[in-house]
N, C-alpha and C. Protein backbone atom coordinates (compact mmCIF):
# COMPACT_ATOMS: atom_id res chain seq x y z
N MET A 1 0.90 -1.22 -0.18
CA MET A 1 -0.11 -0.25 -0.15
C MET A 1 1.12 1.21 -0.03
N LYS A 2 2.38 1.00 0.58
CA LYS A 2 2.85 2.79 0.82
C LYS A 2 3.67 2.80 -0.48
N ALA A 3 4.01 1.42 -1.16
CA ALA A 3 4.48 1.52 -2.37
C ALA A 3 3.98 2.31 -3.37
N LEU A 4 2.56 1.64 -3.37
CA LEU A 4 1.19 2.40 -4.10
C LEU A 4 1.44 3.69 -4.17
N LEU A 5 1.25 4.18 -3.10
CA LEU A 5 0.89 5.27 -2.37
C LEU A 5 2.30 6.67 -2.86
N PHE A 6 3.41 5.40 -2.65
CA PHE A 6 4.96 6.73 -3.01
C PHE A 6 4.27 6.78 -4.40
N ALA A 7 4.42 5.65 -5.25
CA ALA A 7 3.80 5.97 -6.82
C ALA A 7 3.24 6.85 -7.79
N PHE A 8 1.97 7.12 -6.70
CA PHE A 8 1.05 7.97 -7.25
C PHE A 8 1.14 9.45 -6.69
N CYS A 9 2.33 9.50 -5.66
CA CYS A 9 2.78 10.87 -5.17
C CYS A 9 3.88 11.13 -6.26
N VAL A 10 4.82 10.08 -7.09
CA VAL A 10 5.94 10.44 -7.83
C VAL A 10 5.26 10.84 -9.13
N VAL A 11 4.21 10.22 -9.32
CA VAL A 11 3.32 10.31 -10.62
C VAL A 11 3.23 11.57 -10.60
N ALA A 12 2.27 12.36 -9.93
CA ALA A 12 1.26 13.60 -9.64
C ALA A 12 2.46 14.42 -9.42
N CYS A 13 3.40 14.31 -8.88
CA CYS A 13 4.52 15.55 -8.75
C CYS A 13 5.00 15.41 -10.46
N VAL A 14 5.56 14.38 -10.92
CA VAL A 14 6.00 14.81 -12.83
C VAL A 14 5.02 15.50 -13.14
N GLY A 15 3.89 14.83 -12.95
CA GLY A 15 2.66 15.67 -14.05
C GLY A 15 2.51 17.06 -13.64
N THR A 16 2.97 17.39 -12.27
CA THR A 16 2.80 19.01 -11.74
C THR A 16 4.02 19.65 -12.17
N VAL A 17 4.99 19.08 -12.60
CA VAL A 17 6.18 19.92 -13.15
C VAL A 17 5.91 19.83 -14.48
N ALA A 18 5.74 18.93 -15.02
CA ALA A 18 5.37 18.51 -16.66
C ALA A 18 4.44 20.35 -16.97
N GLN A 19 3.49 19.84 -16.27
CA GLN A 19 2.27 20.95 -16.67
C GLN A 19 2.91 22.64 -16.38
N ALA A 20 3.63 22.67 -15.20
CA ALA A 20 4.09 23.97 -14.89
C ALA A 20 5.07 24.32 -16.29
N GLN A 21 5.96 23.41 -16.81
CA GLN A 21 6.77 23.67 -17.72
C GLN A 21 6.36 23.82 -19.03
N GLN A 22 4.89 22.99 -19.44
CA GLN A 22 4.13 23.46 -20.55
C GLN A 22 3.64 24.37 -21.16
N ASP A 23 3.39 25.32 -19.77
CA ASP A 23 2.73 26.34 -19.66
C ASP A 23 3.40 27.42 -20.38
N ILE A 24 4.74 27.17 -20.41
CA ILE A 24 5.82 28.63 -20.99
C ILE A 24 5.07 28.75 -22.74
N LYS A 25 5.48 29.82 -22.53
CA LYS A 25 4.91 30.04 -24.40
C LYS A 25 6.06 30.93 -25.04
N ILE A 26 6.09 30.17 -26.00
CA ILE A 26 7.56 30.52 -26.50
C ILE A 26 7.17 31.30 -28.21
N SER A 27 7.63 32.42 -28.22
CA SER A 27 6.95 32.83 -29.33
C SER A 27 8.75 32.92 -30.30
N LEU A 28 8.00 33.29 -31.57
CA LEU A 28 9.66 33.52 -32.54
C LEU A 28 9.29 35.06 -32.87
N ALA A 29 10.41 35.77 -33.06
CA ALA A 29 10.39 37.16 -33.50
C ALA A 29 10.48 37.04 -34.43
N ASN A 30 11.15 36.08 -35.24
CA ASN A 30 11.22 36.38 -36.86
C ASN A 30 10.79 34.88 -37.80
N SER A 31 10.64 34.41 -37.12
CA SER A 31 10.54 32.42 -37.68
C SER A 31 10.88 32.27 -38.37
N THR A 32 12.44 32.20 -38.28
CA THR A 32 13.59 32.01 -38.92
C THR A 32 13.83 30.33 -39.10
N PRO A 33 14.52 29.81 -39.60
CA PRO A 33 14.97 28.18 -39.18
C PRO A 33 15.69 28.71 -37.60
N ALA A 34 16.53 28.85 -38.04
CA ALA A 34 17.63 29.17 -36.24
C ALA A 34 16.46 29.41 -35.05
N GLU A 35 15.66 29.88 -35.52
CA GLU A 35 14.91 30.15 -34.32
C GLU A 35 13.93 29.11 -34.28
N GLN A 36 13.02 28.55 -34.65
CA GLN A 36 12.51 27.28 -34.76
C GLN A 36 13.48 26.17 -34.02
N GLN A 37 14.48 26.14 -34.20
CA GLN A 37 15.31 25.01 -34.09
C GLN A 37 15.63 25.40 -32.42
N THR A 38 16.20 26.60 -32.41
CA THR A 38 15.86 27.27 -30.42
C THR A 38 14.81 26.96 -29.92
N LYS A 39 13.38 26.84 -30.38
CA LYS A 39 12.56 26.73 -29.78
C LYS A 39 12.13 25.28 -29.29
N THR A 40 12.38 24.06 -30.71
CA THR A 40 12.00 22.76 -30.49
C THR A 40 13.27 22.53 -29.31
N GLN A 41 14.51 23.17 -29.17
CA GLN A 41 15.59 22.50 -28.64
C GLN A 41 15.05 23.17 -27.04
N LEU A 42 14.75 24.57 -26.53
CA LEU A 42 14.16 24.61 -25.28
C LEU A 42 13.13 24.05 -25.08
N GLU A 43 11.76 23.91 -25.65
CA GLU A 43 10.52 22.53 -25.38
C GLU A 43 11.56 21.54 -24.93
N ARG A 44 12.23 21.02 -25.72
CA ARG A 44 12.87 19.34 -25.16
C ARG A 44 13.74 19.86 -23.73
N LEU A 45 14.64 20.66 -23.86
CA LEU A 45 15.03 21.27 -22.48
C LEU A 45 14.01 20.92 -21.32
N LEU A 46 12.97 21.42 -21.56
CA LEU A 46 11.93 21.80 -20.49
C LEU A 46 11.26 20.52 -20.18
N LYS A 47 11.28 19.00 -21.08
CA LYS A 47 10.77 18.05 -21.07
C LYS A 47 12.09 17.26 -20.38
N THR A 48 13.54 17.47 -20.41
CA THR A 48 14.37 16.52 -19.55
C THR A 48 14.59 17.41 -18.34
N TYR A 49 14.85 18.38 -17.83
CA TYR A 49 15.32 18.94 -16.69
C TYR A 49 13.82 19.42 -16.18
N ASP A 50 14.05 19.18 -14.68
CA ASP A 50 13.13 19.91 -13.82
C ASP A 50 13.43 21.08 -13.09
N LEU A 51 12.79 22.44 -14.01
CA LEU A 51 13.24 23.47 -14.03
C LEU A 51 12.35 24.56 -12.84
N THR A 52 11.57 23.47 -12.52
CA THR A 52 10.16 24.56 -11.76
C THR A 52 10.86 25.21 -10.88
N LYS A 53 11.47 25.28 -10.25
CA LYS A 53 11.94 26.14 -9.18
C LYS A 53 12.78 27.41 -9.51
N TRP A 54 12.90 27.34 -10.81
CA TRP A 54 13.81 28.55 -11.71
C TRP A 54 13.31 29.03 -12.42
N ILE A 55 12.09 28.73 -12.68
CA ILE A 55 11.39 29.25 -13.77
C ILE A 55 10.27 30.31 -12.87
N MET A 56 10.67 31.91 -13.56
CA MET A 56 9.99 32.80 -12.86
C MET A 56 8.43 33.39 -13.55
N THR A 57 8.91 33.98 -15.00
CA THR A 57 8.22 34.24 -16.14
C THR A 57 7.48 33.06 -17.42
N LYS A 58 6.61 32.95 -17.84
CA LYS A 58 6.37 31.84 -18.70
C LYS A 58 6.18 32.25 -20.00
N SER A 59 6.45 33.52 -20.18
CA SER A 59 6.63 33.74 -21.59
C SER A 59 8.34 34.24 -22.31
N VAL A 60 8.11 33.58 -23.39
CA VAL A 60 9.64 33.64 -23.71
C VAL A 60 9.13 33.94 -25.52
N VAL A 61 10.46 34.65 -25.99
CA VAL A 61 10.82 35.18 -27.02
C VAL A 61 12.29 34.52 -27.50
N ILE A 62 12.06 34.39 -28.88
CA ILE A 62 13.66 33.88 -29.12
C ILE A 62 13.62 34.59 -30.58
N ASP A 63 14.75 35.36 -30.49
CA ASP A 63 15.18 36.32 -31.40
C ASP A 63 16.64 36.44 -31.80
N GLU A 64 17.00 35.83 -32.99
CA GLU A 64 17.96 35.48 -33.56
C GLU A 64 18.96 36.99 -33.60
N LYS A 65 18.31 37.94 -33.62
CA LYS A 65 19.16 39.07 -33.71
C LYS A 65 19.44 39.88 -32.57
N ALA A 66 18.84 39.21 -31.49
CA ALA A 66 18.75 39.86 -30.26
C ALA A 66 19.96 39.58 -29.00
N THR A 67 20.42 40.11 -28.48
CA THR A 67 21.33 39.61 -27.48
C THR A 67 19.98 38.99 -25.89
N PRO A 68 20.69 37.92 -25.58
CA PRO A 68 19.51 37.64 -24.33
C PRO A 68 19.29 38.80 -23.53
N HIS A 69 18.25 38.77 -22.78
CA HIS A 69 17.69 40.03 -21.91
C HIS A 69 16.28 39.34 -21.34
N SER A 70 16.16 40.13 -20.09
CA SER A 70 15.32 39.30 -19.26
C SER A 70 13.93 40.54 -19.49
N HIS A 71 13.82 41.50 -19.59
CA HIS A 71 13.01 42.41 -19.45
C HIS A 71 12.64 43.19 -20.85
N PRO A 72 11.46 43.62 -21.60
CA PRO A 72 10.31 43.48 -20.28
C PRO A 72 9.54 41.83 -20.95
N VAL A 73 9.95 40.99 -21.79
CA VAL A 73 10.00 40.02 -22.06
C VAL A 73 11.39 39.32 -22.33
N LEU A 74 11.45 37.89 -21.52
CA LEU A 74 12.44 36.87 -21.41
C LEU A 74 12.85 36.80 -22.85
N THR A 75 13.80 37.29 -23.53
CA THR A 75 14.39 36.83 -25.19
C THR A 75 15.44 36.09 -25.18
N LEU A 76 16.13 35.13 -25.64
CA LEU A 76 16.55 34.79 -26.09
C LEU A 76 17.07 34.62 -27.39
N SER A 77 18.53 34.07 -27.72
CA SER A 77 18.79 34.12 -29.26
C SER A 77 18.97 33.05 -29.45
N ALA A 78 19.23 32.65 -30.80
CA ALA A 78 19.34 31.17 -31.35
C ALA A 78 21.25 31.11 -31.53
N ARG A 79 21.84 31.86 -30.70
CA ARG A 79 23.51 31.52 -30.43
C ARG A 79 23.93 29.83 -30.33
N HIS A 80 23.17 29.53 -29.18
CA HIS A 80 23.50 28.24 -28.35
C HIS A 80 22.64 27.32 -29.23
N VAL A 81 22.30 27.14 -30.24
CA VAL A 81 21.32 26.21 -30.85
C VAL A 81 21.71 24.84 -30.94
N LYS A 82 23.63 24.54 -31.02
CA LYS A 82 23.94 23.14 -31.01
C LYS A 82 24.91 23.27 -29.45
N ASP A 83 24.40 23.81 -28.43
CA ASP A 83 24.71 23.28 -27.08
C ASP A 83 23.54 23.34 -26.27
N ASP A 84 23.19 22.45 -25.73
CA ASP A 84 22.11 22.51 -25.00
C ASP A 84 22.64 23.12 -23.40
N GLU A 85 23.50 22.42 -23.03
CA GLU A 85 24.11 23.41 -21.91
C GLU A 85 24.24 24.97 -21.82
N LEU A 86 24.81 25.69 -22.57
CA LEU A 86 25.00 26.92 -23.00
C LEU A 86 23.67 27.56 -22.82
N LEU A 87 22.33 27.32 -23.57
CA LEU A 87 21.09 27.46 -23.96
C LEU A 87 20.55 27.45 -22.38
N LEU A 88 20.28 25.90 -21.53
CA LEU A 88 20.14 26.14 -20.74
C LEU A 88 20.60 26.95 -19.59
N ALA A 89 21.52 27.24 -19.88
CA ALA A 89 22.50 28.41 -17.96
C ALA A 89 21.92 29.67 -18.58
N THR A 90 21.71 30.06 -19.73
CA THR A 90 20.58 31.25 -20.74
C THR A 90 19.62 31.41 -20.03
N PHE A 91 19.00 30.42 -19.95
CA PHE A 91 17.76 30.92 -19.80
C PHE A 91 17.41 30.77 -18.32
N VAL A 92 18.21 30.20 -17.43
CA VAL A 92 17.92 30.18 -16.34
C VAL A 92 18.33 31.89 -15.59
N HIS A 93 19.26 31.87 -16.54
CA HIS A 93 20.31 33.52 -16.50
C HIS A 93 19.37 34.36 -16.21
N GLU A 94 18.55 34.35 -17.07
CA GLU A 94 17.35 35.72 -17.20
C GLU A 94 16.20 35.67 -16.57
N GLN A 95 15.89 33.96 -16.25
CA GLN A 95 15.16 34.06 -15.47
C GLN A 95 15.47 34.26 -13.96
N MET A 96 16.36 34.20 -13.72
CA MET A 96 16.88 34.96 -12.22
C MET A 96 17.21 36.40 -12.52
N HIS A 97 17.01 37.04 -13.13
CA HIS A 97 16.88 38.72 -13.58
C HIS A 97 15.33 39.05 -12.29
N TRP A 98 14.07 38.60 -13.15
CA TRP A 98 12.93 38.13 -12.68
C TRP A 98 13.05 37.56 -11.47
N PHE A 99 14.16 37.41 -10.95
CA PHE A 99 13.81 36.19 -9.36
C PHE A 99 13.95 37.63 -8.24
N VAL A 100 15.55 38.19 -8.53
CA VAL A 100 15.86 38.81 -7.94
C VAL A 100 15.17 40.16 -7.61
N ILE A 101 13.95 40.36 -8.40
CA ILE A 101 13.52 41.67 -8.40
C ILE A 101 12.03 41.43 -7.63
N GLN A 102 11.45 40.44 -7.61
CA GLN A 102 10.67 40.00 -7.41
C GLN A 102 9.71 40.64 -6.08
N ASP A 103 8.50 41.31 -5.41
CA ASP A 103 7.99 42.10 -4.56
C ASP A 103 8.54 41.56 -3.55
N GLY A 104 8.89 41.95 -2.21
CA GLY A 104 9.67 40.84 -1.19
C GLY A 104 11.12 40.83 -1.11
N ARG A 105 11.73 40.83 -2.42
CA ARG A 105 13.15 40.21 -2.34
C ARG A 105 13.97 41.80 -2.24
N ASP A 106 15.01 41.41 -1.57
CA ASP A 106 15.71 42.88 -1.19
C ASP A 106 17.26 42.01 -1.98
N ILE A 107 17.24 42.76 -2.96
CA ILE A 107 18.44 42.89 -3.81
C ILE A 107 18.90 44.00 -3.26
N ASP A 108 18.67 45.20 -3.14
CA ASP A 108 19.48 46.28 -2.75
C ASP A 108 20.28 45.81 -1.72
N ALA A 109 19.92 45.42 -0.63
CA ALA A 109 20.50 45.42 0.39
C ALA A 109 21.62 44.02 0.14
N ALA A 110 21.32 43.53 -0.93
CA ALA A 110 22.69 42.48 -1.15
C ALA A 110 23.35 43.07 -1.86
N ILE A 111 23.03 44.04 -2.74
CA ILE A 111 23.87 45.15 -3.64
C ILE A 111 25.17 45.54 -2.61
N ALA A 112 24.42 45.99 -1.80
CA ALA A 112 25.20 46.93 -0.84
C ALA A 112 26.19 45.83 0.10
N GLU A 113 25.79 44.89 0.40
CA GLU A 113 27.06 43.79 0.40
C GLU A 113 28.18 43.58 -0.43
N PHE A 114 27.54 43.08 -1.11
CA PHE A 114 28.49 42.87 -2.59
C PHE A 114 29.59 44.35 -2.63
N LYS A 115 29.47 45.59 -2.77
CA LYS A 115 29.84 46.90 -3.14
C LYS A 115 30.60 46.65 -1.87
N LYS A 116 30.50 46.36 -0.72
CA LYS A 116 31.61 46.25 0.39
C LYS A 116 32.80 44.88 -0.01
N MET A 117 32.24 44.06 -0.45
CA MET A 117 32.85 43.32 -0.35
C MET A 117 33.99 42.63 -1.52
N PHE A 118 33.50 43.76 -2.84
CA PHE A 118 34.02 43.59 -4.30
C PHE A 118 34.03 45.43 -4.87
N PRO A 119 34.91 46.29 -3.60
CA PRO A 119 34.84 47.45 -3.89
C PRO A 119 35.24 48.13 -5.40
N ASN A 120 35.84 46.86 -6.03
CA ASN A 120 37.13 47.58 -6.92
C ASN A 120 36.03 46.77 -8.24
N ALA A 121 34.88 46.52 -8.24
CA ALA A 121 34.05 46.07 -9.53
C ALA A 121 34.49 46.13 -10.71
N PRO A 122 34.58 45.95 -11.67
CA PRO A 122 34.57 46.73 -13.52
C PRO A 122 33.03 47.13 -13.39
N THR A 123 32.73 48.23 -14.00
CA THR A 123 31.54 48.79 -14.48
C THR A 123 30.94 48.90 -15.85
N ALA A 124 31.85 48.11 -16.82
CA ALA A 124 31.46 48.12 -17.98
C ALA A 124 32.00 46.63 -18.41
N PRO A 125 31.25 46.53 -20.02
CA PRO A 125 31.67 45.15 -20.58
C PRO A 125 33.20 45.44 -21.23
N PRO A 126 33.68 43.69 -21.32
CA PRO A 126 33.07 42.73 -21.39
C PRO A 126 33.32 42.49 -19.76
N GLU A 127 34.23 42.87 -18.77
CA GLU A 127 34.43 42.27 -17.54
C GLU A 127 33.10 42.31 -16.70
N GLY A 128 32.46 43.44 -16.83
CA GLY A 128 31.29 44.16 -16.04
C GLY A 128 29.79 44.19 -16.50
N ALA A 129 28.87 44.67 -15.92
CA ALA A 129 27.65 44.86 -17.03
C ALA A 129 27.68 46.23 -17.18
N ARG A 130 26.51 46.84 -17.80
CA ARG A 130 26.50 48.05 -18.37
C ARG A 130 26.69 49.23 -17.23
N ASP A 131 26.78 48.72 -16.36
CA ASP A 131 27.00 50.12 -15.14
C ASP A 131 27.24 49.16 -13.94
N GLU A 132 27.79 50.18 -12.52
CA GLU A 132 28.03 49.85 -11.38
C GLU A 132 26.94 48.56 -10.91
N ASN A 133 25.73 49.38 -10.89
CA ASN A 133 24.28 48.69 -9.69
C ASN A 133 24.11 47.00 -10.65
N SER A 134 23.90 47.34 -12.23
CA SER A 134 23.94 46.20 -12.86
C SER A 134 25.22 45.12 -12.58
N THR A 135 26.47 45.33 -12.50
CA THR A 135 27.43 44.90 -12.07
C THR A 135 27.21 44.25 -10.82
N TYR A 136 26.87 44.65 -9.72
CA TYR A 136 26.80 44.13 -8.63
C TYR A 136 25.51 43.19 -8.61
N GLN A 137 24.24 43.83 -9.20
CA GLN A 137 23.29 42.59 -9.22
C GLN A 137 23.72 41.32 -10.53
N HIS A 138 24.43 41.84 -11.00
CA HIS A 138 24.93 40.58 -11.93
C HIS A 138 25.43 39.29 -10.81
N ILE A 139 26.27 39.52 -10.36
CA ILE A 139 26.80 38.79 -8.82
C ILE A 139 25.72 37.68 -8.50
N ALA A 140 24.87 38.47 -7.82
CA ALA A 140 23.90 37.41 -7.91
C ALA A 140 22.94 36.84 -8.71
N VAL A 141 22.98 37.19 -9.81
CA VAL A 141 22.22 36.70 -10.87
C VAL A 141 23.11 35.34 -11.28
N CYS A 142 24.68 35.56 -11.56
CA CYS A 142 25.35 34.76 -12.00
C CYS A 142 25.60 33.47 -11.21
N TYR A 143 25.97 34.31 -10.05
CA TYR A 143 25.75 32.98 -8.70
C TYR A 143 24.46 32.24 -9.10
N LEU A 144 23.64 32.33 -9.20
CA LEU A 144 22.05 32.07 -8.66
C LEU A 144 22.17 31.19 -10.27
N GLU A 145 22.63 31.39 -11.65
CA GLU A 145 23.07 30.45 -12.56
C GLU A 145 23.60 29.38 -12.51
N TYR A 146 25.02 29.65 -11.64
CA TYR A 146 25.69 28.57 -11.30
C TYR A 146 25.25 27.49 -10.56
N ARG A 147 24.33 27.87 -9.23
CA ARG A 147 23.83 27.39 -8.47
C ARG A 147 22.58 26.37 -9.15
N ALA A 148 21.90 26.78 -10.15
CA ALA A 148 21.31 26.09 -11.11
C ALA A 148 21.58 25.09 -11.74
N THR A 149 23.08 25.45 -12.10
CA THR A 149 23.58 24.44 -13.50
C THR A 149 24.00 23.43 -12.70
N ARG A 150 24.32 23.77 -11.41
CA ARG A 150 25.35 22.83 -10.34
C ARG A 150 23.92 21.49 -10.63
N GLU A 151 22.80 21.84 -9.96
CA GLU A 151 21.75 21.20 -9.39
C GLU A 151 21.32 20.84 -10.55
N LEU A 152 21.33 21.57 -11.75
CA LEU A 152 20.57 20.31 -13.08
C LEU A 152 21.67 19.57 -13.88
N LEU A 153 23.09 20.11 -14.07
CA LEU A 153 24.04 19.51 -14.78
C LEU A 153 25.16 18.70 -14.06
N GLY A 154 25.03 18.90 -12.90
CA GLY A 154 26.21 18.33 -12.02
C GLY A 154 27.48 19.40 -11.95
N GLU A 155 28.79 18.82 -10.38
CA GLU A 155 29.72 19.86 -10.40
C GLU A 155 30.26 20.32 -12.24
N LEU A 156 30.79 19.35 -12.49
CA LEU A 156 31.66 19.10 -13.36
C LEU A 156 31.33 20.17 -14.71
N ARG A 157 30.54 20.04 -15.19
CA ARG A 157 29.64 20.34 -16.44
C ARG A 157 29.24 21.95 -15.72
N ALA A 158 28.66 22.10 -14.82
CA ALA A 158 28.41 23.51 -14.08
C ALA A 158 29.59 24.39 -14.53
N LYS A 159 30.49 23.80 -13.94
CA LYS A 159 31.71 24.55 -14.04
C LYS A 159 32.47 24.71 -15.33
N GLN A 160 32.10 23.98 -16.26
CA GLN A 160 32.72 24.19 -17.71
C GLN A 160 31.71 25.52 -18.27
N VAL A 161 30.28 25.20 -18.05
CA VAL A 161 29.59 26.39 -18.29
C VAL A 161 30.21 27.65 -18.01
N ILE A 162 30.23 27.82 -16.46
CA ILE A 162 30.64 29.05 -16.17
C ILE A 162 31.95 29.66 -16.81
N GLN A 163 33.23 28.41 -16.57
CA GLN A 163 34.30 28.84 -17.25
C GLN A 163 34.08 29.50 -18.88
N PHE A 164 33.32 29.10 -19.43
CA PHE A 164 33.09 29.35 -20.52
C PHE A 164 32.82 30.97 -20.39
N TRP A 165 31.62 30.84 -19.89
CA TRP A 165 31.40 32.32 -20.01
C TRP A 165 32.25 33.50 -19.34
N THR A 166 33.70 32.85 -18.44
CA THR A 166 34.59 33.48 -17.99
C THR A 166 35.50 34.74 -19.35
N THR A 167 35.58 34.21 -20.34
CA THR A 167 36.12 34.39 -21.51
C THR A 167 35.27 34.79 -22.59
N ASP A 168 33.92 34.87 -22.08
CA ASP A 168 32.48 35.75 -23.19
C ASP A 168 31.96 36.59 -22.65
N HIS A 169 31.26 37.08 -21.73
CA HIS A 169 30.84 37.85 -21.24
C HIS A 169 30.87 38.01 -19.63
N TYR A 170 30.80 38.99 -19.16
CA TYR A 170 30.64 39.14 -17.70
C TYR A 170 31.83 38.69 -16.90
N THR A 171 32.99 38.60 -17.50
CA THR A 171 34.05 37.99 -17.38
C THR A 171 34.55 38.00 -15.71
N TRP A 172 34.95 39.14 -15.10
CA TRP A 172 35.06 39.21 -13.92
C TRP A 172 33.89 38.60 -12.88
N VAL A 173 32.83 38.71 -13.62
CA VAL A 173 31.41 38.12 -12.61
C VAL A 173 31.33 36.87 -12.42
N TYR A 174 31.45 36.14 -13.70
CA TYR A 174 31.88 34.80 -13.81
C TYR A 174 33.21 34.18 -12.89
N LYS A 175 34.04 35.01 -12.80
CA LYS A 175 35.27 34.38 -12.13
C LYS A 175 35.15 34.76 -10.64
N THR A 176 34.27 36.14 -10.40
CA THR A 176 34.32 35.76 -9.22
C THR A 176 33.24 34.69 -8.50
N VAL A 177 32.08 34.26 -9.35
CA VAL A 177 31.48 33.55 -8.65
C VAL A 177 31.82 32.24 -8.52
N LEU A 178 32.74 32.06 -9.41
CA LEU A 178 33.79 30.74 -9.15
C LEU A 178 34.76 30.57 -8.31
N GLU A 179 35.31 32.02 -8.07
CA GLU A 179 36.14 32.16 -6.82
C GLU A 179 35.48 32.21 -5.48
N ARG A 180 34.41 32.81 -5.31
CA ARG A 180 33.96 33.35 -3.85
C ARG A 180 32.65 32.99 -3.82
N PRO A 181 32.04 31.53 -4.31
CA PRO A 181 30.45 30.93 -4.08
C PRO A 181 30.37 31.12 -2.49
N ARG A 182 30.82 30.56 -1.66
CA ARG A 182 30.32 30.82 -0.19
C ARG A 182 29.97 32.01 -0.47
N ASP A 183 30.80 32.77 0.05
CA ASP A 183 30.64 33.98 0.26
C ASP A 183 29.45 34.58 -0.32
N ILE A 184 29.53 34.57 -1.61
CA ILE A 184 28.15 35.29 -2.25
C ILE A 184 26.94 34.59 -1.70
N GLY A 185 26.97 32.92 -1.89
CA GLY A 185 25.97 32.00 -1.52
C GLY A 185 25.33 32.74 -0.10
N GLN A 186 26.22 33.00 0.66
CA GLN A 186 26.08 33.40 2.37
C GLN A 186 24.98 34.83 2.11
N VAL A 187 25.50 35.47 1.57
CA VAL A 187 24.56 37.02 1.31
C VAL A 187 23.18 36.95 0.72
N LEU A 188 22.83 36.02 -0.77
CA LEU A 188 22.08 35.47 -1.30
C LEU A 188 21.33 34.90 0.22
N PHE A 189 21.58 34.20 0.88
CA PHE A 189 20.57 33.35 1.58
C PHE A 189 20.16 34.44 2.67
N LYS A 190 21.05 34.92 3.43
CA LYS A 190 20.69 36.32 4.43
C LYS A 190 19.74 36.95 4.15
N TYR A 191 19.42 37.04 2.81
CA TYR A 191 18.53 38.38 1.99
C TYR A 191 17.32 37.09 1.50
N LYS A 192 17.59 35.69 1.39
CA LYS A 192 16.05 34.98 0.92
C LYS A 192 16.12 35.51 -0.16
N LEU A 193 17.22 35.22 -1.47
CA LEU A 193 17.53 35.29 -2.39
C LEU A 193 17.58 34.04 -3.30
N ILE A 194 17.82 33.03 -2.94
CA ILE A 194 17.63 31.77 -3.53
C ILE A 194 16.38 31.03 -3.55
N PRO A 195 16.16 30.92 -4.45
CA PRO A 195 14.69 30.08 -5.10
C PRO A 195 14.65 28.59 -4.38
N THR A 196 13.46 28.36 -3.51
CA THR A 196 13.49 27.26 -2.91
C THR A 196 12.05 26.33 -3.93
N GLU A 197 12.16 25.01 -3.16
CA GLU A 197 11.05 23.97 -3.57
C GLU A 197 9.68 24.70 -3.77
N ASN A 198 9.23 25.12 -3.02
CA ASN A 198 7.93 25.75 -2.68
C ASN A 198 7.65 26.75 -3.39
N LYS A 199 8.70 27.22 -3.88
CA LYS A 199 8.15 28.46 -4.85
C LYS A 199 7.11 28.36 -5.64
N LYS A 200 6.11 29.22 -5.95
CA LYS A 200 5.26 29.11 -6.95
C LYS A 200 5.68 29.58 -8.29
N PRO A 201 5.87 29.15 -9.20
CA PRO A 201 6.02 29.26 -10.77
C PRO A 201 5.20 30.40 -11.43
């Protein structure tokens, strides 16, 4: 009886996860082959990985002419159509931008602590983001991306993804995340800036 009940719970939980992820609406900006391939790729990743904890917005646009960004609508490029792990990490990264600014999240307090921890952070690309505040916010976002990819892909593959980014964009931020994950994580835990299992997507 217990085994039957357990099996039922597993099926129910899987069904809930699948439904939550199926609710994501993916639209194409230009309907090009690359965008369609990326849409199919993302749909496959949503079926492969349990991303429920990391999903904050369910509207996604794929635009091969755009740089990935979170607002006003989460937008992905077609750049990583041949690399599942980089697309997965990018998707989670943009979702985390939504998470850290949710009502009740004190990202400003975390940023204030990061400014004390890292007083000489770069404030322009490629080492940093577009300005000082964005660079410090990206410490949180990139750390959460790393945390998510560790859970989803495992430690080795997650490090490989983040190490790739250290040569690509936000290079100082990603290097800092790899060098100081414990310190950054403690700040985010303090301000309840880490997604939990009971989050409602």
